[in-house]
PDB file of N, CA and C in Angstrom:
ATOM      1  N   MET A   1      55.279 -37.710 245.210  1.00  0.00           N
ATOM      2  CA  MET A   1      55.604 -36.329 245.088  1.00  0.00           C
ATOM      3  C   MET A   1      55.221 -35.775 243.780  1.00  0.00           C
ATOM      4  N   THR A   2      55.654 -36.659 242.733  1.00  0.00           N
ATOM      5  CA  THR A   2      55.482 -36.072 241.137  1.00  0.00           C
ATOM      6  C   THR A   2      54.312 -37.131 240.588  1.00  0.00           C
ATOM      7  N   GLU A   3      53.568 -36.719 239.760  1.00  0.00           N
ATOM      8  CA  GLU A   3      52.674 -37.484 238.967  1.00  0.00           C
ATOM      9  C   GLU A   3      53.332 -37.770 237.692  1.00  0.00           C
ATOM     10  N   PHE A   4      53.599 -38.956 237.166  1.00  0.00           N
ATOM     11  CA  PHE A   4      54.176 -39.121 235.903  1.00  0.00           C
ATOM     12  C   PHE A   4      53.052 -39.916 235.198  1.00  0.00           C
ATOM     13  N   ASN A   5      52.549 -39.275 233.994  1.00  0.00           N
ATOM     14  CA  ASN A   5      51.376 -39.852 233.306  1.00  0.00           C
ATOM     15  C   ASN A   5      52.235 -40.217 231.988  1.00  0.00           C
ATOM     16  N   GLU A   6      51.662 -41.555 231.555  1.00  0.00           N
ATOM     17  CA  GLU A   6      52.028 -42.003 230.060  1.00  0.00           C
ATOM     18  C   GLU A   6      51.420 -41.167 229.215  1.00  0.00           C
ATOM     19  N   GLU A   7      50.057 -40.917 229.550  1.00  0.00           N
ATOM     20  CA  GLU A   7      49.085 -40.148 228.616  1.00  0.00           C
ATOM     21  C   GLU A   7      49.480 -38.616 228.816  1.00  0.00           C
ATOM     22  N   VAL A   8      49.740 -37.956 227.618  1.00  0.00           N
ATOM     23  CA  VAL A   8      50.130 -36.365 227.795  1.00  0.00           C
ATOM     24  C   VAL A   8      48.926 -35.619 228.163  1.00  0.00           C
ATOM     25  N   GLU A   9      48.955 -34.960 229.354  1.00  0.00           N
ATOM     26  CA  GLU A   9      47.981 -33.998 229.825  1.00  0.00           C
ATOM     27  C   GLU A   9      48.274 -32.730 229.136  1.00  0.00           C
ATOM     28  N   LYS A  10      46.980 -32.145 228.786  1.00  0.00           N
ATOM     29  CA  LYS A  10      47.106 -30.873 228.030  1.00  0.00           C
ATOM     30  C   LYS A  10      46.310 -29.880 228.635  1.00  0.00           C
ATOM     31  N   ILE A  11      46.541 -28.679 228.619  1.00  0.00           N
ATOM     32  CA  ILE A  11      45.629 -27.593 229.322  1.00  0.00           C
ATOM     33  C   ILE A  11      45.675 -26.361 228.391  1.00  0.00           C
ATOM     34  N   ILE A  12      44.584 -25.795 228.361  1.00  0.00           N
ATOM     35  CA  ILE A  12      44.367 -24.398 227.640  1.00  0.00           C
ATOM     36  C   ILE A  12      44.470 -23.207 228.531  1.00  0.00           C
ATOM     37  N   ILE A  13      45.515 -22.404 228.043  1.00  0.00           N
ATOM     38  CA  ILE A  13      45.694 -20.942 229.026  1.00  0.00           C
ATOM     39  C   ILE A  13      45.597 -19.816 227.949  1.00  0.00           C
ATOM     40  N   PRO A  14      44.493 -18.960 228.393  1.00  0.00           N
ATOM     41  CA  PRO A  14      44.289 -17.795 227.598  1.00  0.00           C
ATOM     42  C   PRO A  14      45.591 -16.757 227.995  1.00  0.00           C
ATOM     43  N   ASP A  15      45.809 -15.911 226.781  1.00  0.00           N
ATOM     44  CA  ASP A  15      46.890 -14.957 227.127  1.00  0.00           C
ATOM     45  C   ASP A  15      46.327 -13.708 227.605  1.00  0.00           C
ATOM     46  N   GLU A  16      46.970 -12.550 227.756  1.00  0.00           N
ATOM     47  CA  GLU A  16      46.555 -11.172 228.156  1.00  0.00           C
ATOM     48  C   GLU A  16      45.658 -10.739 227.054  1.00  0.00           C
ATOM     49  N   ASP A  17      45.592 -11.137 225.827  1.00  0.00           N
ATOM     50  CA  ASP A  17      44.611 -10.772 224.867  1.00  0.00           C
ATOM     51  C   ASP A  17      43.358 -11.654 224.680  1.00  0.00           C
ATOM     52  N   GLY A  18      43.290 -12.711 225.413  1.00  0.00           N
ATOM     53  CA  GLY A  18      42.100 -13.455 225.461  1.00  0.00           C
ATOM     54  C   GLY A  18      42.478 -14.616 224.418  1.00  0.00           C
ATOM     55  N   ASN A  19      43.456 -14.830 223.790  1.00  0.00           N
ATOM     56  CA  ASN A  19      43.864 -15.751 223.002  1.00  0.00           C
ATOM     57  C   ASN A  19      44.128 -17.195 223.619  1.00  0.00           C
ATOM     58  N   GLU A  20      43.534 -18.302 223.281  1.00  0.00           N
ATOM     59  CA  GLU A  20      43.896 -19.457 224.022  1.00  0.00           C
ATOM     60  C   GLU A  20      45.008 -20.191 223.373  1.00  0.00           C
ATOM     61  N   GLU A  21      45.831 -20.724 224.107  1.00  0.00           N
ATOM     62  CA  GLU A  21      47.118 -21.404 223.681  1.00  0.00           C
ATOM     63  C   GLU A  21      46.927 -22.706 224.663  1.00  0.00           C
ATOM     64  N   VAL A  22      47.128 -23.741 223.832  1.00  0.00           N
ATOM     65  CA  VAL A  22      47.311 -25.150 224.373  1.00  0.00           C
ATOM     66  C   VAL A  22      48.646 -25.492 224.805  1.00  0.00           C
ATOM     67  N   PHE A  23      48.861 -26.127 226.107  1.00  0.00           N
ATOM     68  CA  PHE A  23      50.125 -26.353 226.638  1.00  0.00           C
ATOM     69  C   PHE A  23      50.138 -27.705 227.147  1.00  0.00           C
ATOM     70  N   GLU A  24      51.409 -28.408 226.871  1.00  0.00           N
ATOM     71  CA  GLU A  24      51.349 -29.702 227.544  1.00  0.00           C
ATOM     72  C   GLU A  24      51.900 -29.657 228.880  1.00  0.00           C
ATOM     73  N   VAL A  25      51.339 -30.298 229.798  1.00  0.00           N
ATOM     74  CA  VAL A  25      51.839 -30.292 231.287  1.00  0.00           C
ATOM     75  C   VAL A  25      52.981 -31.460 231.326  1.00  0.00           C
ATOM     76  N   LEU A  26      54.231 -30.723 231.640  1.00  0.00           N
ATOM     77  CA  LEU A  26      55.350 -31.716 231.772  1.00  0.00           C
ATOM     78  C   LEU A  26      55.410 -32.429 233.106  1.00  0.00           C
ATOM     79  N   TYR A  27      55.082 -31.581 234.090  1.00  0.00           N
ATOM     80  CA  TYR A  27      55.281 -32.065 235.368  1.00  0.00           C
ATOM     81  C   TYR A  27      54.132 -31.300 236.207  1.00  0.00           C
ATOM     82  N   LYS A  28      53.720 -32.177 237.309  1.00  0.00           N
ATOM     83  CA  LYS A  28      52.880 -31.657 238.471  1.00  0.00           C
ATOM     84  C   LYS A  28      53.518 -32.254 239.594  1.00  0.00           C
ATOM     85  N   PHE A  29      53.746 -31.297 240.738  1.00  0.00           N
ATOM     86  CA  PHE A  29      54.413 -31.727 241.887  1.00  0.00           C
ATOM     87  C   PHE A  29      53.974 -30.940 243.083  1.00  0.00           C
ATOM     88  N   ASP A  30      54.220 -31.370 244.190  1.00  0.00           N
ATOM     89  CA  ASP A  30      53.969 -30.774 245.516  1.00  0.00           C
ATOM     90  C   ASP A  30      55.254 -30.403 245.993  1.00  0.00           C
ATOM     91  N   VAL A  31      55.242 -29.186 246.667  1.00  0.00           N
ATOM     92  CA  VAL A  31      56.579 -28.778 247.298  1.00  0.00           C
ATOM     93  C   VAL A  31      56.207 -28.699 248.705  1.00  0.00           C
ATOM     94  N   ASP A  32      56.946 -29.601 249.745  1.00  0.00           N
ATOM     95  CA  ASP A  32      56.713 -29.481 251.067  1.00  0.00           C
ATOM     96  C   ASP A  32      57.084 -28.130 251.643  1.00  0.00           C
ATOM     97  N   GLN A  33      58.029 -27.393 251.259  1.00  0.00           N
ATOM     98  CA  GLN A  33      58.422 -26.231 251.991  1.00  0.00           C
ATOM     99  C   GLN A  33      57.323 -25.206 251.771  1.00  0.00           C
ATOM    100  N   THR A  34      56.565 -25.353 250.624  1.00  0.00           N
ATOM    101  CA  THR A  34      55.439 -24.398 250.666  1.00  0.00           C
ATOM    102  C   THR A  34      54.083 -24.841 250.702  1.00  0.00           C
ATOM    103  N   GLY A  35      53.779 -26.188 250.727  1.00  0.00           N
ATOM    104  CA  GLY A  35      52.701 -26.819 250.917  1.00  0.00           C
ATOM    105  C   GLY A  35      51.804 -26.734 249.807  1.00  0.00           C
ATOM    106  N   LYS A  36      52.210 -26.312 248.671  1.00  0.00           N
ATOM    107  CA  LYS A  36      51.476 -25.889 247.399  1.00  0.00           C
ATOM    108  C   LYS A  36      51.710 -26.845 246.222  1.00  0.00           C
ATOM    109  N   GLN A  37      50.842 -26.648 245.290  1.00  0.00           N
ATOM    110  CA  GLN A  37      51.143 -27.750 244.209  1.00  0.00           C
ATOM    111  C   GLN A  37      51.527 -26.711 242.947  1.00  0.00           C
ATOM    112  N   TYR A  38      52.295 -27.308 242.165  1.00  0.00           N
ATOM    113  CA  TYR A  38      52.812 -26.809 240.958  1.00  0.00           C
ATOM    114  C   TYR A  38      52.690 -27.527 239.664  1.00  0.00           C
ATOM    115  N   MET A  39      52.738 -26.838 238.337  1.00  0.00           N
ATOM    116  CA  MET A  39      52.900 -27.554 237.273  1.00  0.00           C
ATOM    117  C   MET A  39      53.904 -26.778 236.228  1.00  0.00           C
ATOM    118  N   MET A  40      54.453 -27.648 235.635  1.00  0.00           N
ATOM    119  CA  MET A  40      55.556 -27.029 234.550  1.00  0.00           C
ATOM    120  C   MET A  40      54.945 -27.513 233.141  1.00  0.00           C
ATOM    121  N   VAL A  41      54.790 -26.422 232.385  1.00  0.00           N
ATOM    122  CA  VAL A  41      53.956 -26.575 230.982  1.00  0.00           C
ATOM    123  C   VAL A  41      54.855 -25.938 229.821  1.00  0.00           C
ATOM    124  N   ILE A  42      54.658 -26.516 228.652  1.00  0.00           N
ATOM    125  CA  ILE A  42      55.349 -25.915 227.466  1.00  0.00           C
ATOM    126  C   ILE A  42      54.270 -25.816 226.422  1.00  0.00           C
ATOM    127  N   PRO A  43      54.355 -24.623 225.452  1.00  0.00           N
ATOM    128  CA  PRO A  43      53.402 -24.709 224.473  1.00  0.00           C
ATOM    129  C   PRO A  43      53.463 -26.026 223.522  1.00  0.00           C
ATOM    130  N   VAL A  44      52.133 -26.646 223.094  1.00  0.00           N
ATOM    131  CA  VAL A  44      52.069 -27.923 222.306  1.00  0.00           C
ATOM    132  C   VAL A  44      52.765 -27.659 220.935  1.00  0.00           C
ATOM    133  N   ASP A  45      52.477 -26.385 220.425  1.00  0.00           N
ATOM    134  CA  ASP A  45      52.824 -26.258 218.991  1.00  0.00           C
ATOM    135  C   ASP A  45      54.205 -25.579 218.804  1.00  0.00           C
ATOM    136  N   GLY A  46      54.833 -25.595 219.985  1.00  0.00           N
ATOM    137  CA  GLY A  46      56.176 -24.871 220.177  1.00  0.00           C
ATOM    138  C   GLY A  46      57.252 -25.919 219.752  1.00  0.00           C
ATOM    139  N   ASP A  47      58.644 -25.360 220.021  1.00  0.00           N
ATOM    140  CA  ASP A  47      59.713 -26.276 219.745  1.00  0.00           C
ATOM    141  C   ASP A  47      60.301 -26.416 220.996  1.00  0.00           C
ATOM    142  N   PRO A  48      60.352 -27.642 221.547  1.00  0.00           N
ATOM    143  CA  PRO A  48      60.763 -27.920 223.123  1.00  0.00           C
ATOM    144  C   PRO A  48      62.273 -27.721 223.293  1.00  0.00           C
ATOM    145  N   GLU A  49      62.986 -27.577 222.115  1.00  0.00           N
ATOM    146  CA  GLU A  49      64.402 -27.258 222.082  1.00  0.00           C
ATOM    147  C   GLU A  49      64.541 -25.650 222.290  1.00  0.00           C
ATOM    148  N   VAL A  50      63.543 -24.836 221.947  1.00  0.00           N
ATOM    149  CA  VAL A  50      63.725 -23.379 222.060  1.00  0.00           C
ATOM    150  C   VAL A  50      62.739 -22.631 223.122  1.00  0.00           C
ATOM    151  N   ASP A  51      61.491 -23.368 222.992  1.00  0.00           N
ATOM    152  CA  ASP A  51      60.475 -22.496 223.990  1.00  0.00           C
ATOM    153  C   ASP A  51      60.561 -22.779 225.327  1.00  0.00           C
ATOM    154  N   GLU A  52      60.358 -21.689 226.112  1.00  0.00           N
ATOM    155  CA  GLU A  52      60.533 -21.653 227.545  1.00  0.00           C
ATOM    156  C   GLU A  52      59.501 -22.644 228.263  1.00  0.00           C
ATOM    157  N   VAL A  53      59.761 -23.197 229.300  1.00  0.00           N
ATOM    158  CA  VAL A  53      59.035 -24.003 230.265  1.00  0.00           C
ATOM    159  C   VAL A  53      58.352 -23.061 231.204  1.00  0.00           C
ATOM    160  N   TYR A  54      57.080 -22.972 231.254  1.00  0.00           N
ATOM    161  CA  TYR A  54      56.491 -21.984 232.156  1.00  0.00           C
ATOM    162  C   TYR A  54      55.885 -22.884 233.429  1.00  0.00           C
ATOM    163  N   ALA A  55      56.255 -22.002 234.540  1.00  0.00           N
ATOM    164  CA  ALA A  55      55.691 -22.698 235.870  1.00  0.00           C
ATOM    165  C   ALA A  55      54.636 -21.891 236.519  1.00  0.00           C
ATOM    166  N   PHE A  56      53.509 -22.640 237.088  1.00  0.00           N
ATOM    167  CA  PHE A  56      52.466 -21.963 237.694  1.00  0.00           C
ATOM    168  C   PHE A  56      52.134 -22.814 239.186  1.00  0.00           C
ATOM    169  N   ARG A  57      51.744 -22.033 240.033  1.00  0.00           N
ATOM    170  CA  ARG A  57      51.203 -22.689 241.107  1.00  0.00           C
ATOM    171  C   ARG A  57      49.547 -23.064 240.856  1.00  0.00           C
ATOM    172  N   TYR A  58      49.123 -23.949 241.334  1.00  0.00           N
ATOM    173  CA  TYR A  58      47.675 -24.457 240.929  1.00  0.00           C
ATOM    174  C   TYR A  58      47.026 -25.015 242.012  1.00  0.00           C
ATOM    175  N   GLU A  59      45.676 -24.804 241.913  1.00  0.00           N
ATOM    176  CA  GLU A  59      44.573 -25.269 242.796  1.00  0.00           C
ATOM    177  C   GLU A  59      43.532 -26.090 241.866  1.00  0.00           C
ATOM    178  N   GLU A  60      43.315 -27.187 242.563  1.00  0.00           N
ATOM    179  CA  GLU A  60      42.205 -27.947 241.864  1.00  0.00           C
ATOM    180  C   GLU A  60      41.042 -27.947 242.648  1.00  0.00           C
ATOM    181  N   ASP A  61      39.685 -27.811 242.032  1.00  0.00           N
ATOM    182  CA  ASP A  61      38.464 -27.766 242.630  1.00  0.00           C
ATOM    183  C   ASP A  61      37.589 -28.806 241.740  1.00  0.00           C
ATOM    184  N   GLY A  62      37.762 -30.103 242.023  1.00  0.00           N
ATOM    185  CA  GLY A  62      37.005 -31.004 241.085  1.00  0.00           C
ATOM    186  C   GLY A  62      37.637 -30.984 239.628  1.00  0.00           C
ATOM    187  N   GLU A  63      37.058 -30.798 238.588  1.00  0.00           N
ATOM    188  CA  GLU A  63      37.327 -30.636 237.437  1.00  0.00           C
ATOM    189  C   GLU A  63      38.033 -29.291 236.947  1.00  0.00           C
ATOM    190  N   ASP A  64      37.837 -28.145 237.833  1.00  0.00           N
ATOM    191  CA  ASP A  64      38.459 -26.821 237.492  1.00  0.00           C
ATOM    192  C   ASP A  64      39.855 -26.698 238.055  1.00  0.00           C
ATOM    193  N   ILE A  65      40.696 -26.156 237.228  1.00  0.00           N
ATOM    194  CA  ILE A  65      42.151 -25.815 237.711  1.00  0.00           C
ATOM    195  C   ILE A  65      42.335 -24.376 237.691  1.00  0.00           C
ATOM    196  N   SER A  66      42.727 -23.755 238.798  1.00  0.00           N
ATOM    197  CA  SER A  66      43.041 -22.297 238.931  1.00  0.00           C
ATOM    198  C   SER A  66      44.537 -22.195 238.870  1.00  0.00           C
ATOM    199  N   LEU A  67      45.088 -21.434 237.897  1.00  0.00           N
ATOM    200  CA  LEU A  67      46.593 -21.038 237.842  1.00  0.00           C
ATOM    201  C   LEU A  67      47.102 -19.752 238.416  1.00  0.00           C
ATOM    202  N   PHE A  68      48.071 -19.671 239.107  1.00  0.00           N
ATOM    203  CA  PHE A  68      48.450 -18.596 239.713  1.00  0.00           C
ATOM    204  C   PHE A  68      50.121 -18.277 239.226  1.00  0.00           C
ATOM    205  N   LEU A  69      50.270 -17.156 238.952  1.00  0.00           N
ATOM    206  CA  LEU A  69      51.768 -16.710 238.820  1.00  0.00           C
ATOM    207  C   LEU A  69      52.579 -16.803 239.964  1.00  0.00           C
ATOM    208  N   ILE A  70      53.955 -17.308 239.955  1.00  0.00           N
ATOM    209  CA  ILE A  70      54.769 -17.153 240.940  1.00  0.00           C
ATOM    210  C   ILE A  70      55.628 -16.013 241.104  1.00  0.00           C
ATOM    211  N   GLU A  71      55.066 -15.224 242.126  1.00  0.00           N
ATOM    212  CA  GLU A  71      55.596 -13.820 242.106  1.00  0.00           C
ATOM    213  C   GLU A  71      56.739 -13.749 243.214  1.00  0.00           C
ATOM    214  N   ASP A  72      56.635 -14.551 244.065  1.00  0.00           N
ATOM    215  CA  ASP A  72      57.757 -14.425 245.116  1.00  0.00           C
ATOM    216  C   ASP A  72      58.890 -14.964 244.908  1.00  0.00           C
ATOM    217  N   ASP A  73      59.993 -14.313 245.038  1.00  0.00           N
ATOM    218  CA  ASP A  73      61.429 -14.873 244.582  1.00  0.00           C
ATOM    219  C   ASP A  73      61.772 -16.171 245.470  1.00  0.00           C
ATOM    220  N   ASN A  74      61.532 -16.387 246.750  1.00  0.00           N
ATOM    221  CA  ASN A  74      61.963 -17.443 247.617  1.00  0.00           C
ATOM    222  C   ASN A  74      60.983 -18.605 247.069  1.00  0.00           C
ATOM    223  N   GLU A  75      59.661 -18.320 246.824  1.00  0.00           N
ATOM    224  CA  GLU A  75      58.908 -19.542 246.255  1.00  0.00           C
ATOM    225  C   GLU A  75      59.353 -19.913 244.847  1.00  0.00           C
ATOM    226  N   TRP A  76      59.849 -19.044 244.031  1.00  0.00           N
ATOM    227  CA  TRP A  76      60.275 -19.167 242.745  1.00  0.00           C
ATOM    228  C   TRP A  76      61.641 -20.087 242.703  1.00  0.00           C
ATOM    229  N   GLU A  77      62.523 -19.790 243.660  1.00  0.00           N
ATOM    230  CA  GLU A  77      63.739 -20.573 243.844  1.00  0.00           C
ATOM    231  C   GLU A  77      63.505 -21.928 244.389  1.00  0.00           C
ATOM    232  N   VAL A  78      62.393 -22.250 245.148  1.00  0.00           N
ATOM    233  CA  VAL A  78      62.232 -23.673 245.444  1.00  0.00           C
ATOM    234  C   VAL A  78      61.472 -24.370 244.460  1.00  0.00           C
ATOM    235  N   VAL A  79      60.674 -23.704 243.759  1.00  0.00           N
ATOM    236  CA  VAL A  79      60.045 -24.289 242.549  1.00  0.00           C
ATOM    237  C   VAL A  79      61.149 -24.816 241.488  1.00  0.00           C
ATOM    238  N   GLU A  80      62.020 -23.774 241.270  1.00  0.00           N
ATOM    239  CA  GLU A  80      63.137 -23.946 240.191  1.00  0.00           C
ATOM    240  C   GLU A  80      64.064 -25.155 240.403  1.00  0.00           C
ATOM    241  N   ALA A  81      64.360 -25.327 241.897  1.00  0.00           N
ATOM    242  CA  ALA A  81      65.328 -26.204 242.571  1.00  0.00           C
ATOM    243  C   ALA A  81      64.411 -27.565 242.383  1.00  0.00           C
ATOM    244  N   THR A  82      63.410 -27.615 242.735  1.00  0.00           N
ATOM    245  CA  THR A  82      62.435 -28.907 242.469  1.00  0.00           C
ATOM    246  C   THR A  82      62.390 -29.384 241.219  1.00  0.00           C
ATOM    247  N   PHE A  83      62.123 -28.429 240.201  1.00  0.00           N
ATOM    248  CA  PHE A  83      62.209 -28.697 238.712  1.00  0.00           C
ATOM    249  C   PHE A  83      63.344 -29.383 238.014  1.00  0.00           C
ATOM    250  N   GLN A  84      64.531 -28.658 238.717  1.00  0.00           N
ATOM    251  CA  GLN A  84      65.944 -29.178 238.120  1.00  0.00           C
ATOM    252  C   GLN A  84      66.233 -30.621 238.671  1.00  0.00           C
ATOM    253  N   THR A  85      65.703 -30.834 240.066  1.00  0.00           N
ATOM    254  CA  THR A  85      65.810 -32.250 240.553  1.00  0.00           C
ATOM    255  C   THR A  85      65.019 -33.163 239.767  1.00  0.00           C
ATOM    256  N   LEU A  86      63.816 -32.927 239.407  1.00  0.00           N
ATOM    257  CA  LEU A  86      63.036 -33.732 238.537  1.00  0.00           C
ATOM    258  C   LEU A  86      63.698 -34.093 237.029  1.00  0.00           C
ATOM    259  N   LEU A  87      64.271 -32.935 236.544  1.00  0.00           N
ATOM    260  CA  LEU A  87      65.090 -33.210 235.421  1.00  0.00           C
ATOM    261  C   LEU A  87      66.141 -34.103 235.525  1.00  0.00           C
ATOM    262  N   GLU A  88      66.980 -33.966 236.489  1.00  0.00           N
ATOM    263  CA  GLU A  88      67.905 -34.947 236.830  1.00  0.00           C
ATOM    264  C   GLU A  88      67.512 -36.363 237.159  1.00  0.00           C
ATOM    265  N   GLU A  89      66.560 -36.430 237.827  1.00  0.00           N
ATOM    266  CA  GLU A  89      65.942 -37.814 237.960  1.00  0.00           C
ATOM    267  C   GLU A  89      65.503 -38.472 236.768  1.00  0.00           C
ATOM    268  N   GLU A  90      64.987 -37.634 235.842  1.00  0.00           N
ATOM    269  CA  GLU A  90      64.456 -38.369 234.463  1.00  0.00           C
ATOM    270  C   GLU A  90      65.661 -38.528 233.667  1.00  0.00           C
ATOM    271  N   ASP A  91      66.750 -37.765 233.760  1.00  0.00           N
ATOM    272  CA  ASP A  91      68.102 -38.191 232.813  1.00  0.00           C
ATOM    273  C   ASP A  91      68.566 -39.406 233.657  1.00  0.00           C
ATOM    274  N   LEU A  92      68.625 -39.627 234.737  1.00  0.00           N
ATOM    275  CA  LEU A  92      69.096 -40.988 235.392  1.00  0.00           C
ATOM    276  C   LEU A  92      68.100 -42.207 234.983  1.00  0.00           C
ATOM    277  N   GLN A  93      67.015 -41.987 234.619  1.00  0.00           N
ATOM    278  CA  GLN A  93      66.229 -42.894 234.578  1.00  0.00           C
ATOM    279  C   GLN A  93      66.218 -43.371 232.881  1.00  0.00           C
ATOM    280  N   ASP A  94      66.650 -42.327 232.053  1.00  0.00           N
ATOM    281  CA  ASP A  94      66.761 -42.617 230.676  1.00  0.00           C
ATOM    282  C   ASP A  94      68.077 -43.234 230.330  1.00  0.00           C
TER     283      ASP A  94
END
């Protein structure tokens, strides 16, 4: 269900002004209820204690990744619940 990489994966996401920002991929996971893939990212140069974690639905086509905003409330609830479960599992492993 989840890909845990020892190596930190990074992704560049342009903002609405075209400025590119580098993000660290925290989690990638599939959600059975939606049949889609999601990733949780955080800015690389930010403060993990303060910065928001961003969630995107994504599709891969070879080396290319397309990100999509999660705009449906029901889809967001499923993604948020899955993310919370992943955090709890990580806390149990530590």
